[in-house]
């Protein structure tokens, strides 16, 4: 079973296995978690969600990809990334991070193969 998120708040995320992060995270379809390697490109002071990030998760063949856009939904999703989202075969959920975490937990707990990117600040 995949890791579930126990708590999330501004700038942190904690999983049910006790692991915790203070940086954006990527949850892979196999349940492993990595710190997100943010692209250099920025919009309005925030680093974007890049098309290659979505494509990398899609290549893991998840049933769902969940994207948490931050607590104030400040993660920029440029048009080329939106196109990448529309082209993946997985169902994609894009929400503010607290709602995205709820969706992720529900899907993961039901046994779905889920991948996610969570932006933990703005």
PDB file of N, CA and C in Angstrom:
ATOM      1  N   UNK A   1       0.831  -1.195   0.000  1.00  0.00           N
ATOM      2  CA  UNK A   1       0.000   0.000   0.000  1.00  0.00           C
ATOM      3  C   UNK A   1       0.871   1.252   0.000  1.00  0.00           C
ATOM      4  N   UNK A   2       0.429   2.271  -0.694  1.00  0.00           N
ATOM      5  CA  UNK A   2       1.167   3.526  -0.793  1.00  0.00           C
ATOM      6  C   UNK A   2       1.169   4.266   0.542  1.00  0.00           C
ATOM      7  N   UNK A   3       2.161   5.126   0.707  1.00  0.00           N
ATOM      8  CA  UNK A   3       2.186   5.997   1.880  1.00  0.00           C
ATOM      9  C   UNK A   3       0.984   6.925   1.832  1.00  0.00           C
ATOM     10  N   UNK A   4       0.426   7.215   2.996  1.00  0.00           N
ATOM     11  CA  UNK A   4      -0.643   8.206   3.086  1.00  0.00           C
ATOM     12  C   UNK A   4      -0.098   9.434   3.792  1.00  0.00           C
ATOM     13  N   UNK A   5      -0.678  10.574   3.469  1.00  0.00           N
ATOM     14  CA  UNK A   5      -0.270  11.821   4.107  1.00  0.00           C
ATOM     15  C   UNK A   5      -1.005  11.931   5.433  1.00  0.00           C
ATOM     16  N   UNK A   6      -0.227  12.079   6.493  1.00  0.00           N
ATOM     17  CA  UNK A   6      -0.805  12.218   7.830  1.00  0.00           C
ATOM     18  C   UNK A   6      -1.180  13.680   8.117  1.00  0.00           C
ATOM     19  N   UNK A   7      -0.258  14.588   7.740  1.00  0.00           N
ATOM     20  CA  UNK A   7      -0.500  16.015   7.970  1.00  0.00           C
ATOM     21  C   UNK A   7       0.168  16.811   6.872  1.00  0.00           C
ATOM     22  N   UNK A   8      -0.470  17.915   6.508  1.00  0.00           N
ATOM     23  CA  UNK A   8       0.144  18.854   5.580  1.00  0.00           C
ATOM     24  C   UNK A   8      -0.196  20.259   6.058  1.00  0.00           C
ATOM     25  N   UNK A   9       0.762  21.140   5.942  1.00  0.00           N
ATOM     26  CA  UNK A   9       0.554  22.535   6.310  1.00  0.00           C
ATOM     27  C   UNK A   9       1.477  23.390   5.473  1.00  0.00           C
ATOM     28  N   UNK A  10       1.469  24.668   5.722  1.00  0.00           N
ATOM     29  CA  UNK A  10       2.302  25.574   4.941  1.00  0.00           C
ATOM     30  C   UNK A  10       3.771  25.226   5.161  1.00  0.00           C
ATOM     31  N   UNK A  11       4.411  24.707   4.122  1.00  0.00           N
ATOM     32  CA  UNK A  11       5.831  24.407   4.183  1.00  0.00           C
ATOM     33  C   UNK A  11       6.206  23.042   4.724  1.00  0.00           C
ATOM     34  N   UNK A  12       5.240  22.153   4.977  1.00  0.00           N
ATOM     35  CA  UNK A  12       5.609  20.815   5.454  1.00  0.00           C
ATOM     36  C   UNK A  12       4.563  19.783   5.048  1.00  0.00           C
ATOM     37  N   UNK A  13       5.023  18.540   5.000  1.00  0.00           N
ATOM     38  CA  UNK A  13       4.151  17.401   4.760  1.00  0.00           C
ATOM     39  C   UNK A  13       4.711  16.233   5.562  1.00  0.00           C
ATOM     40  N   UNK A  14       3.831  15.468   6.196  1.00  0.00           N
ATOM     41  CA  UNK A  14       4.240  14.325   7.003  1.00  0.00           C
ATOM     42  C   UNK A  14       3.432  13.111   6.561  1.00  0.00           C
ATOM     43  N   UNK A  15       4.123  11.983   6.431  1.00  0.00           N
ATOM     44  CA  UNK A  15       3.490  10.752   5.983  1.00  0.00           C
ATOM     45  C   UNK A  15       3.227   9.812   7.149  1.00  0.00           C
ATOM     46  N   UNK A  16       2.373   8.835   6.899  1.00  0.00           N
ATOM     47  CA  UNK A  16       1.985   7.906   7.960  1.00  0.00           C
ATOM     48  C   UNK A  16       3.119   7.002   8.428  1.00  0.00           C
ATOM     49  N   UNK A  17       4.226   6.947   7.693  1.00  0.00           N
ATOM     50  CA  UNK A  17       5.376   6.158   8.139  1.00  0.00           C
ATOM     51  C   UNK A  17       6.340   6.991   8.984  1.00  0.00           C
ATOM     52  N   UNK A  18       5.975   8.252   9.247  1.00  0.00           N
ATOM     53  CA  UNK A  18       6.803   9.137  10.063  1.00  0.00           C
ATOM     54  C   UNK A  18       7.748  10.018   9.275  1.00  0.00           C
ATOM     55  N   UNK A  19       7.913   9.754   7.983  1.00  0.00           N
ATOM     56  CA  UNK A  19       8.796  10.616   7.183  1.00  0.00           C
ATOM     57  C   UNK A  19       8.131  11.981   6.988  1.00  0.00           C
ATOM     58  N   UNK A  20       8.963  13.009   6.907  1.00  0.00           N
ATOM     59  CA  UNK A  20       8.448  14.369   6.774  1.00  0.00           C
ATOM     60  C   UNK A  20       9.391  15.175   5.883  1.00  0.00           C
ATOM     61  N   UNK A  21       8.812  16.152   5.207  1.00  0.00           N
ATOM     62  CA  UNK A  21       9.568  16.993   4.276  1.00  0.00           C
ATOM     63  C   UNK A  21       9.154  18.441   4.473  1.00  0.00           C
ATOM     64  N   UNK A  22      10.103  19.342   4.220  1.00  0.00           N
ATOM     65  CA  UNK A  22       9.833  20.771   4.268  1.00  0.00           C
ATOM     66  C   UNK A  22      10.067  21.405   2.903  1.00  0.00           C
ATOM     67  N   UNK A  23      10.019  20.589   1.872  1.00  0.00           N
ATOM     68  CA  UNK A  23      10.161  21.036   0.490  1.00  0.00           C
ATOM     69  C   UNK A  23       9.083  20.344  -0.334  1.00  0.00           C
ATOM     70  N   UNK A  24       8.809  20.886  -1.512  1.00  0.00           N
ATOM     71  CA  UNK A  24       7.854  20.241  -2.408  1.00  0.00           C
ATOM     72  C   UNK A  24       8.258  18.790  -2.625  1.00  0.00           C
ATOM     73  N   UNK A  25       7.273  17.915  -2.779  1.00  0.00           N
ATOM     74  CA  UNK A  25       7.567  16.503  -2.954  1.00  0.00           C
ATOM     75  C   UNK A  25       6.907  15.940  -4.208  1.00  0.00           C
ATOM     76  N   UNK A  26       7.503  14.850  -4.676  1.00  0.00           N
ATOM     77  CA  UNK A  26       6.943  14.033  -5.741  1.00  0.00           C
ATOM     78  C   UNK A  26       6.704  12.666  -5.135  1.00  0.00           C
ATOM     79  N   UNK A  27       5.476  12.178  -5.271  1.00  0.00           N
ATOM     80  CA  UNK A  27       5.165  10.816  -4.852  1.00  0.00           C
ATOM     81  C   UNK A  27       5.034   9.998  -6.133  1.00  0.00           C
ATOM     82  N   UNK A  28       5.884   9.004  -6.252  1.00  0.00           N
ATOM     83  CA  UNK A  28       5.891   8.177  -7.451  1.00  0.00           C
ATOM     84  C   UNK A  28       4.795   7.120  -7.371  1.00  0.00           C
ATOM     85  N   UNK A  29       4.450   6.567  -8.514  1.00  0.00           N
ATOM     86  CA  UNK A  29       3.382   5.565  -8.579  1.00  0.00           C
ATOM     87  C   UNK A  29       3.700   4.325  -7.742  1.00  0.00           C
ATOM     88  N   UNK A  30       4.981   4.072  -7.475  1.00  0.00           N
ATOM     89  CA  UNK A  30       5.350   2.929  -6.634  1.00  0.00           C
ATOM     90  C   UNK A  30       5.296   3.269  -5.143  1.00  0.00           C
ATOM     91  N   UNK A  31       4.925   4.516  -4.804  1.00  0.00           N
ATOM     92  CA  UNK A  31       4.802   4.941  -3.415  1.00  0.00           C
ATOM     93  C   UNK A  31       6.045   5.608  -2.855  1.00  0.00           C
ATOM     94  N   UNK A  32       7.148   5.593  -3.580  1.00  0.00           N
ATOM     95  CA  UNK A  32       8.354   6.258  -3.089  1.00  0.00           C
ATOM     96  C   UNK A  32       8.176   7.776  -3.191  1.00  0.00           C
ATOM     97  N   UNK A  33       8.908   8.490  -2.348  1.00  0.00           N
ATOM     98  CA  UNK A  33       8.787   9.951  -2.277  1.00  0.00           C
ATOM     99  C   UNK A  33      10.163  10.574  -2.478  1.00  0.00           C
ATOM    100  N   UNK A  34      10.198  11.623  -3.294  1.00  0.00           N
ATOM    101  CA  UNK A  34      11.420  12.396  -3.508  1.00  0.00           C
ATOM    102  C   UNK A  34      11.108  13.875  -3.333  1.00  0.00           C
ATOM    103  N   UNK A  35      12.135  14.635  -2.972  1.00  0.00           N
ATOM    104  CA  UNK A  35      12.020  16.089  -2.992  1.00  0.00           C
ATOM    105  C   UNK A  35      11.918  16.502  -4.460  1.00  0.00           C
ATOM    106  N   UNK A  36      10.997  17.403  -4.746  1.00  0.00           N
ATOM    107  CA  UNK A  36      10.801  17.874  -6.122  1.00  0.00           C
ATOM    108  C   UNK A  36      11.997  18.703  -6.576  1.00  0.00           C
ATOM    109  N   UNK A  37      12.504  18.374  -7.749  1.00  0.00           N
ATOM    110  CA  UNK A  37      13.576  19.156  -8.363  1.00  0.00           C
ATOM    111  C   UNK A  37      12.902  20.220  -9.221  1.00  0.00           C
ATOM    112  N   UNK A  38      12.805  21.414  -8.683  1.00  0.00           N
ATOM    113  CA  UNK A  38      12.066  22.487  -9.345  1.00  0.00           C
ATOM    114  C   UNK A  38      12.823  23.027 -10.553  1.00  0.00           C
ATOM    115  N   UNK A  39      12.095  23.318 -11.628  1.00  0.00           N
ATOM    116  CA  UNK A  39      12.752  23.943 -12.781  1.00  0.00           C
ATOM    117  C   UNK A  39      13.143  25.378 -12.440  1.00  0.00           C
ATOM    118  N   UNK A  40      14.055  25.931 -13.212  1.00  0.00           N
ATOM    119  CA  UNK A  40      14.517  27.304 -12.969  1.00  0.00           C
ATOM    120  C   UNK A  40      13.525  28.360 -13.428  1.00  0.00           C
ATOM    121  N   UNK A  41      12.686  28.028 -14.395  1.00  0.00           N
ATOM    122  CA  UNK A  41      11.755  29.009 -14.954  1.00  0.00           C
ATOM    123  C   UNK A  41      10.745  29.454 -13.893  1.00  0.00           C
ATOM    124  N   UNK A  42      10.521  30.764 -13.829  1.00  0.00           N
ATOM    125  CA  UNK A  42       9.600  31.335 -12.838  1.00  0.00           C
ATOM    126  C   UNK A  42       8.528  32.168 -13.521  1.00  0.00           C
ATOM    127  N   UNK A  43       7.389  32.227 -12.860  1.00  0.00           N
ATOM    128  CA  UNK A  43       6.304  33.135 -13.245  1.00  0.00           C
ATOM    129  C   UNK A  43       5.843  33.790 -11.950  1.00  0.00           C
ATOM    130  N   UNK A  44       5.876  35.112 -11.907  1.00  0.00           N
ATOM    131  CA  UNK A  44       5.444  35.819 -10.707  1.00  0.00           C
ATOM    132  C   UNK A  44       6.214  35.435  -9.464  1.00  0.00           C
ATOM    133  N   UNK A  45       7.487  35.107  -9.615  1.00  0.00           N
ATOM    134  CA  UNK A  45       8.314  34.757  -8.469  1.00  0.00           C
ATOM    135  C   UNK A  45       8.253  33.295  -8.071  1.00  0.00           C
ATOM    136  N   UNK A  46       7.343  32.533  -8.662  1.00  0.00           N
ATOM    137  CA  UNK A  46       7.200  31.116  -8.330  1.00  0.00           C
ATOM    138  C   UNK A  46       7.743  30.247  -9.453  1.00  0.00           C
ATOM    139  N   UNK A  47       8.392  29.173  -9.089  1.00  0.00           N
ATOM    140  CA  UNK A  47       8.872  28.230 -10.111  1.00  0.00           C
ATOM    141  C   UNK A  47       7.693  27.450 -10.661  1.00  0.00           C
ATOM    142  N   UNK A  48       7.696  27.262 -11.959  1.00  0.00           N
ATOM    143  CA  UNK A  48       6.564  26.643 -12.649  1.00  0.00           C
ATOM    144  C   UNK A  48       6.521  25.128 -12.427  1.00  0.00           C
ATOM    145  N   UNK A  49       5.374  24.562 -12.751  1.00  0.00           N
ATOM    146  CA  UNK A  49       5.266  23.121 -12.940  1.00  0.00           C
ATOM    147  C   UNK A  49       5.595  22.888 -14.408  1.00  0.00           C
ATOM    148  N   UNK A  50       6.668  22.164 -14.674  1.00  0.00           N
ATOM    149  CA  UNK A  50       7.154  21.987 -16.042  1.00  0.00           C
ATOM    150  C   UNK A  50       6.515  20.764 -16.704  1.00  0.00           C
ATOM    151  N   UNK A  51       6.386  20.806 -18.025  1.00  0.00           N
ATOM    152  CA  UNK A  51       5.821  19.661 -18.741  1.00  0.00           C
ATOM    153  C   UNK A  51       6.564  18.357 -18.461  1.00  0.00           C
ATOM    154  N   UNK A  52       7.903  18.436 -18.355  1.00  0.00           N
ATOM    155  CA  UNK A  52       8.662  17.193 -18.133  1.00  0.00           C
ATOM    156  C   UNK A  52       8.320  16.545 -16.792  1.00  0.00           C
ATOM    157  N   UNK A  53       7.894  17.333 -15.806  1.00  0.00           N
ATOM    158  CA  UNK A  53       7.510  16.759 -14.513  1.00  0.00           C
ATOM    159  C   UNK A  53       6.245  15.902 -14.656  1.00  0.00           C
ATOM    160  N   UNK A  54       5.288  16.413 -15.406  1.00  0.00           N
ATOM    161  CA  UNK A  54       4.042  15.679 -15.639  1.00  0.00           C
ATOM    162  C   UNK A  54       4.318  14.430 -16.473  1.00  0.00           C
ATOM    163  N   UNK A  55       5.122  14.590 -17.514  1.00  0.00           N
ATOM    164  CA  UNK A  55       5.434  13.460 -18.397  1.00  0.00           C
ATOM    165  C   UNK A  55       6.197  12.369 -17.646  1.00  0.00           C
ATOM    166  N   UNK A  56       7.097  12.757 -16.755  1.00  0.00           N
ATOM    167  CA  UNK A  56       7.850  11.769 -15.968  1.00  0.00           C
ATOM    168  C   UNK A  56       6.900  10.938 -15.104  1.00  0.00           C
ATOM    169  N   UNK A  57       5.948  11.588 -14.453  1.00  0.00           N
ATOM    170  CA  UNK A  57       4.986  10.833 -13.645  1.00  0.00           C
ATOM    171  C   UNK A  57       4.104   9.959 -14.523  1.00  0.00           C
ATOM    172  N   UNK A  58       3.687  10.477 -15.658  1.00  0.00           N
ATOM    173  CA  UNK A  58       2.837   9.701 -16.568  1.00  0.00           C
ATOM    174  C   UNK A  58       3.551   8.446 -17.052  1.00  0.00           C
ATOM    175  N   UNK A  59       4.866   8.524 -17.214  1.00  0.00           N
ATOM    176  CA  UNK A  59       5.630   7.363 -17.689  1.00  0.00           C
ATOM    177  C   UNK A  59       5.622   6.225 -16.665  1.00  0.00           C
ATOM    178  N   UNK A  60       5.261   6.522 -15.424  1.00  0.00           N
ATOM    179  CA  UNK A  60       5.176   5.496 -14.385  1.00  0.00           C
ATOM    180  C   UNK A  60       3.850   4.728 -14.451  1.00  0.00           C
ATOM    181  N   UNK A  61       2.997   5.109 -15.360  1.00  0.00           N
ATOM    182  CA  UNK A  61       1.708   4.451 -15.622  1.00  0.00           C
ATOM    183  C   UNK A  61       0.772   4.423 -14.399  1.00  0.00           C
ATOM    184  N   UNK A  62       0.568   5.590 -13.760  1.00  0.00           N
ATOM    185  CA  UNK A  62      -0.387   5.626 -12.653  1.00  0.00           C
ATOM    186  C   UNK A  62      -1.819   5.656 -13.185  1.00  0.00           C
ATOM    187  N   UNK A  63      -2.761   5.290 -12.337  1.00  0.00           N
ATOM    188  CA  UNK A  63      -4.180   5.470 -12.676  1.00  0.00           C
ATOM    189  C   UNK A  63      -4.551   6.943 -12.560  1.00  0.00           C
ATOM    190  N   UNK A  64      -3.930   7.620 -11.592  1.00  0.00           N
ATOM    191  CA  UNK A  64      -4.222   9.027 -11.302  1.00  0.00           C
ATOM    192  C   UNK A  64      -2.928   9.786 -11.066  1.00  0.00           C
ATOM    193  N   UNK A  65      -2.925  11.059 -11.456  1.00  0.00           N
ATOM    194  CA  UNK A  65      -1.873  11.997 -11.091  1.00  0.00           C
ATOM    195  C   UNK A  65      -2.556  13.131 -10.347  1.00  0.00           C
ATOM    196  N   UNK A  66      -2.092  13.397  -9.137  1.00  0.00           N
ATOM    197  CA  UNK A  66      -2.650  14.466  -8.310  1.00  0.00           C
ATOM    198  C   UNK A  66      -1.609  15.579  -8.212  1.00  0.00           C
ATOM    199  N   UNK A  67      -2.047  16.798  -8.492  1.00  0.00           N
ATOM    200  CA  UNK A  67      -1.156  17.954  -8.433  1.00  0.00           C
ATOM    201  C   UNK A  67      -1.699  18.939  -7.414  1.00  0.00           C
ATOM    202  N   UNK A  68      -0.903  19.181  -6.380  1.00  0.00           N
ATOM    203  CA  UNK A  68      -1.247  20.179  -5.377  1.00  0.00           C
ATOM    204  C   UNK A  68      -0.562  21.481  -5.722  1.00  0.00           C
ATOM    205  N   UNK A  69      -1.339  22.519  -5.980  1.00  0.00           N
ATOM    206  CA  UNK A  69      -0.812  23.780  -6.491  1.00  0.00           C
ATOM    207  C   UNK A  69      -0.428  24.786  -5.405  1.00  0.00           C
ATOM    208  N   UNK A  70      -0.373  24.349  -4.160  1.00  0.00           N
ATOM    209  CA  UNK A  70      -0.012  25.238  -3.059  1.00  0.00           C
ATOM    210  C   UNK A  70      -1.226  25.624  -2.235  1.00  0.00           C
ATOM    211  N   UNK A  71      -0.974  26.212  -1.103  1.00  0.00           N
ATOM    212  CA  UNK A  71      -2.065  26.572  -0.190  1.00  0.00           C
ATOM    213  C   UNK A  71      -2.892  27.739  -0.708  1.00  0.00           C
ATOM    214  N   UNK A  72      -2.288  28.605  -1.510  1.00  0.00           N
ATOM    215  CA  UNK A  72      -3.027  29.680  -2.165  1.00  0.00           C
ATOM    216  C   UNK A  72      -3.061  29.473  -3.679  1.00  0.00           C
ATOM    217  N   UNK A  73      -2.796  28.249  -4.111  1.00  0.00           N
ATOM    218  CA  UNK A  73      -2.828  27.864  -5.529  1.00  0.00           C
ATOM    219  C   UNK A  73      -1.897  28.721  -6.391  1.00  0.00           C
ATOM    220  N   UNK A  74      -0.682  28.981  -5.873  1.00  0.00           N
ATOM    221  CA  UNK A  74       0.252  29.870  -6.558  1.00  0.00           C
ATOM    222  C   UNK A  74       1.203  29.159  -7.522  1.00  0.00           C
ATOM    223  N   UNK A  75       1.191  27.814  -7.559  1.00  0.00           N
ATOM    224  CA  UNK A  75       2.090  27.102  -8.473  1.00  0.00           C
ATOM    225  C   UNK A  75       1.680  27.391  -9.911  1.00  0.00           C
ATOM    226  N   UNK A  76       2.539  28.059 -10.684  1.00  0.00           N
ATOM    227  CA  UNK A  76       2.181  28.369 -12.069  1.00  0.00           C
ATOM    228  C   UNK A  76       2.160  27.106 -12.941  1.00  0.00           C
ATOM    229  N   UNK A  77       1.088  26.970 -13.714  1.00  0.00           N
ATOM    230  CA  UNK A  77       0.967  25.878 -14.676  1.00  0.00           C
ATOM    231  C   UNK A  77       0.844  26.529 -16.052  1.00  0.00           C
ATOM    232  N   UNK A  78       1.979  26.669 -16.760  1.00  0.00           N
ATOM    233  CA  UNK A  78       1.952  27.342 -18.056  1.00  0.00           C
ATOM    234  C   UNK A  78       1.210  26.514 -19.111  1.00  0.00           C
ATOM    235  N   UNK A  79       0.859  27.141 -20.228  1.00  0.00           N
ATOM    236  CA  UNK A  79       0.092  26.444 -21.269  1.00  0.00           C
ATOM    237  C   UNK A  79       0.732  25.138 -21.745  1.00  0.00           C
ATOM    238  N   UNK A  80       2.059  25.110 -21.883  1.00  0.00           N
ATOM    239  CA  UNK A  80       2.699  23.880 -22.357  1.00  0.00           C
ATOM    240  C   UNK A  80       2.569  22.743 -21.343  1.00  0.00           C
ATOM    241  N   UNK A  81       2.523  23.090 -20.058  1.00  0.00           N
ATOM    242  CA  UNK A  81       2.311  22.074 -19.033  1.00  0.00           C
ATOM    243  C   UNK A  81       0.854  21.630 -19.041  1.00  0.00           C
ATOM    244  N   UNK A  82      -0.065  22.568 -19.234  1.00  0.00           N
ATOM    245  CA  UNK A  82      -1.481  22.219 -19.331  1.00  0.00           C
ATOM    246  C   UNK A  82      -1.705  21.245 -20.486  1.00  0.00           C
ATOM    247  N   UNK A  83      -1.035  21.472 -21.604  1.00  0.00           N
ATOM    248  CA  UNK A  83      -1.142  20.538 -22.746  1.00  0.00           C
ATOM    249  C   UNK A  83      -0.615  19.160 -22.365  1.00  0.00           C
ATOM    250  N   UNK A  84       0.500  19.112 -21.638  1.00  0.00           N
ATOM    251  CA  UNK A  84       1.054  17.832 -21.193  1.00  0.00           C
ATOM    252  C   UNK A  84       0.065  17.105 -20.284  1.00  0.00           C
ATOM    253  N   UNK A  85      -0.605  17.856 -19.413  1.00  0.00           N
ATOM    254  CA  UNK A  85      -1.617  17.267 -18.523  1.00  0.00           C
ATOM    255  C   UNK A  85      -2.744  16.659 -19.348  1.00  0.00           C
ATOM    256  N   UNK A  86      -3.181  17.383 -20.359  1.00  0.00           N
ATOM    257  CA  UNK A  86      -4.298  16.917 -21.192  1.00  0.00           C
ATOM    258  C   UNK A  86      -3.927  15.694 -22.024  1.00  0.00           C
ATOM    259  N   UNK A  87      -2.648  15.485 -22.271  1.00  0.00           N
ATOM    260  CA  UNK A  87      -2.206  14.384 -23.126  1.00  0.00           C
ATOM    261  C   UNK A  87      -1.937  13.081 -22.388  1.00  0.00           C
ATOM    262  N   UNK A  88      -1.848  13.112 -21.065  1.00  0.00           N
ATOM    263  CA  UNK A  88      -1.550  11.864 -20.341  1.00  0.00           C
ATOM    264  C   UNK A  88      -2.776  10.968 -20.297  1.00  0.00           C
ATOM    265  N   UNK A  89      -2.527   9.675 -20.182  1.00  0.00           N
ATOM    266  CA  UNK A  89      -3.637   8.719 -20.155  1.00  0.00           C
ATOM    267  C   UNK A  89      -4.253   8.582 -18.764  1.00  0.00           C
ATOM    268  N   UNK A  90      -3.540   9.001 -17.737  1.00  0.00           N
ATOM    269  CA  UNK A  90      -4.068   8.936 -16.370  1.00  0.00           C
ATOM    270  C   UNK A  90      -5.105  10.037 -16.145  1.00  0.00           C
ATOM    271  N   UNK A  91      -5.982   9.806 -15.185  1.00  0.00           N
ATOM    272  CA  UNK A  91      -6.872  10.869 -14.721  1.00  0.00           C
ATOM    273  C   UNK A  91      -6.011  11.848 -13.932  1.00  0.00           C
ATOM    274  N   UNK A  92      -6.255  13.141 -14.092  1.00  0.00           N
ATOM    275  CA  UNK A  92      -5.448  14.155 -13.412  1.00  0.00           C
ATOM    276  C   UNK A  92      -6.344  15.030 -12.555  1.00  0.00           C
ATOM    277  N   UNK A  93      -5.924  15.230 -11.321  1.00  0.00           N
ATOM    278  CA  UNK A  93      -6.626  16.089 -10.366  1.00  0.00           C
ATOM    279  C   UNK A  93      -5.686  17.241 -10.024  1.00  0.00           C
ATOM    280  N   UNK A  94      -6.127  18.476 -10.265  1.00  0.00           N
ATOM    281  CA  UNK A  94      -5.337  19.662  -9.943  1.00  0.00           C
ATOM    282  C   UNK A  94      -6.149  20.492  -8.955  1.00  0.00           C
ATOM    283  N   UNK A  95      -5.617  20.629  -7.742  1.00  0.00           N
ATOM    284  CA  UNK A  95      -6.331  21.335  -6.666  1.00  0.00           C
ATOM    285  C   UNK A  95      -5.328  22.067  -5.785  1.00  0.00           C
ATOM    286  N   UNK A  96      -5.840  22.947  -4.937  1.00  0.00           N
ATOM    287  CA  UNK A  96      -5.012  23.520  -3.880  1.00  0.00           C
ATOM    288  C   UNK A  96      -4.463  22.347  -3.062  1.00  0.00           C
ATOM    289  N   UNK A  97      -3.267  22.488  -2.537  1.00  0.00           N
ATOM    290  CA  UNK A  97      -2.600  21.357  -1.894  1.00  0.00           C
ATOM    291  C   UNK A  97      -3.433  20.667  -0.817  1.00  0.00           C
ATOM    292  N   UNK A  98      -4.107  21.356   0.098  1.00  0.00           N
ATOM    293  CA  UNK A  98      -4.891  20.620   1.100  1.00  0.00           C
ATOM    294  C   UNK A  98      -5.963  19.715   0.471  1.00  0.00           C
ATOM    295  N   UNK A  99      -6.658  20.200  -0.543  1.00  0.00           N
ATOM    296  CA  UNK A  99      -7.665  19.380  -1.221  1.00  0.00           C
ATOM    297  C   UNK A  99      -7.016  18.274  -2.041  1.00  0.00           C
ATOM    298  N   UNK A 100      -5.885  18.572  -2.650  1.00  0.00           N
ATOM    299  CA  UNK A 100      -5.165  17.566  -3.431  1.00  0.00           C
ATOM    300  C   UNK A 100      -4.702  16.421  -2.531  1.00  0.00           C
ATOM    301  N   UNK A 101      -4.244  16.744  -1.330  1.00  0.00           N
ATOM    302  CA  UNK A 101      -3.821  15.715  -0.377  1.00  0.00           C
ATOM    303  C   UNK A 101      -5.011  14.828   0.000  1.00  0.00           C
ATOM    304  N   UNK A 102      -6.167  15.419   0.227  1.00  0.00           N
ATOM    305  CA  UNK A 102      -7.368  14.623   0.521  1.00  0.00           C
ATOM    306  C   UNK A 102      -7.664  13.661  -0.624  1.00  0.00           C
ATOM    307  N   UNK A 103      -7.605  14.164  -1.855  1.00  0.00           N
ATOM    308  CA  UNK A 103      -7.870  13.316  -3.028  1.00  0.00           C
ATOM    309  C   UNK A 103      -6.828  12.201  -3.121  1.00  0.00           C
ATOM    310  N   UNK A 104      -5.564  12.554  -2.939  1.00  0.00           N
ATOM    311  CA  UNK A 104      -4.498  11.559  -2.984  1.00  0.00           C
ATOM    312  C   UNK A 104      -4.743  10.460  -1.957  1.00  0.00           C
ATOM    313  N   UNK A 105      -5.001  10.850  -0.712  1.00  0.00           N
ATOM    314  CA  UNK A 105      -5.203   9.856   0.354  1.00  0.00           C
ATOM    315  C   UNK A 105      -6.379   8.934   0.035  1.00  0.00           C
ATOM    316  N   UNK A 106      -7.470   9.496  -0.446  1.00  0.00           N
ATOM    317  CA  UNK A 106      -8.643   8.695  -0.773  1.00  0.00           C
ATOM    318  C   UNK A 106      -8.322   7.680  -1.874  1.00  0.00           C
ATOM    319  N   UNK A 107      -7.662   8.148  -2.925  1.00  0.00           N
ATOM    320  CA  UNK A 107      -7.312   7.264  -4.044  1.00  0.00           C
ATOM    321  C   UNK A 107      -6.305   6.196  -3.619  1.00  0.00           C
ATOM    322  N   UNK A 108      -5.259   6.603  -2.913  1.00  0.00           N
ATOM    323  CA  UNK A 108      -4.226   5.660  -2.479  1.00  0.00           C
ATOM    324  C   UNK A 108      -4.797   4.623  -1.514  1.00  0.00           C
ATOM    325  N   UNK A 109      -5.654   5.064  -0.593  1.00  0.00           N
ATOM    326  CA  UNK A 109      -6.253   4.139   0.376  1.00  0.00           C
ATOM    327  C   UNK A 109      -7.178   3.124  -0.296  1.00  0.00           C
ATOM    328  N   UNK A 110      -7.738   3.492  -1.449  1.00  0.00           N
ATOM    329  CA  UNK A 110      -8.636   2.578  -2.153  1.00  0.00           C
ATOM    330  C   UNK A 110      -7.873   1.614  -3.064  1.00  0.00           C
ATOM    331  N   UNK A 111      -6.543   1.705  -3.047  1.00  0.00           N
ATOM    332  CA  UNK A 111      -5.733   0.777  -3.820  1.00  0.00           C
ATOM    333  C   UNK A 111      -5.388   1.241  -5.227  1.00  0.00           C
ATOM    334  N   UNK A 112      -5.745   2.453  -5.574  1.00  0.00           N
ATOM    335  CA  UNK A 112      -5.408   2.990  -6.898  1.00  0.00           C
ATOM    336  C   UNK A 112      -3.904   3.269  -6.973  1.00  0.00           C
ATOM    337  N   UNK A 113      -3.389   3.188  -8.164  1.00  0.00           N
ATOM    338  CA  UNK A 113      -1.977   3.523  -8.416  1.00  0.00           C
ATOM    339  C   UNK A 113      -1.933   5.033  -8.659  1.00  0.00           C
ATOM    340  N   UNK A 114      -1.362   5.753  -7.699  1.00  0.00           N
ATOM    341  CA  UNK A 114      -1.417   7.216  -7.716  1.00  0.00           C
ATOM    342  C   UNK A 114      -0.012   7.808  -7.675  1.00  0.00           C
ATOM    343  N   UNK A 115       0.211   8.825  -8.478  1.00  0.00           N
ATOM    344  CA  UNK A 115       1.428   9.622  -8.428  1.00  0.00           C
ATOM    345  C   UNK A 115       1.015  11.054  -8.108  1.00  0.00           C
ATOM    346  N   UNK A 116       1.907  11.826  -7.496  1.00  0.00           N
ATOM    347  CA  UNK A 116       1.513  13.178  -7.103  1.00  0.00           C
ATOM    348  C   UNK A 116       2.711  14.111  -7.049  1.00  0.00           C
ATOM    349  N   UNK A 117       2.408  15.392  -7.204  1.00  0.00           N
ATOM    350  CA  UNK A 117       3.351  16.483  -6.940  1.00  0.00           C
ATOM    351  C   UNK A 117       2.629  17.436  -6.007  1.00  0.00           C
ATOM    352  N   UNK A 118       3.252  17.737  -4.875  1.00  0.00           N
ATOM    353  CA  UNK A 118       2.649  18.669  -3.930  1.00  0.00           C
ATOM    354  C   UNK A 118       3.564  19.875  -3.717  1.00  0.00           C
ATOM    355  N   UNK A 119       3.038  21.056  -4.068  1.00  0.00           N
ATOM    356  CA  UNK A 119       3.711  22.320  -3.767  1.00  0.00           C
ATOM    357  C   UNK A 119       3.270  22.709  -2.362  1.00  0.00           C
ATOM    358  N   UNK A 120       4.220  22.913  -1.463  1.00  0.00           N
ATOM    359  CA  UNK A 120       3.886  23.035  -0.042  1.00  0.00           C
ATOM    360  C   UNK A 120       3.746  24.446   0.500  1.00  0.00           C
ATOM    361  N   UNK A 121       4.071  25.446  -0.305  1.00  0.00           N
ATOM    362  CA  UNK A 121       3.928  26.803   0.224  1.00  0.00           C
ATOM    363  C   UNK A 121       2.780  27.513  -0.496  1.00  0.00           C
ATOM    364  N   UNK A 122       3.022  28.707  -0.955  1.00  0.00           N
ATOM    365  CA  UNK A 122       1.958  29.521  -1.553  1.00  0.00           C
ATOM    366  C   UNK A 122       1.152  28.750  -2.562  1.00  0.00           C
TER     367      UNK A 122
END
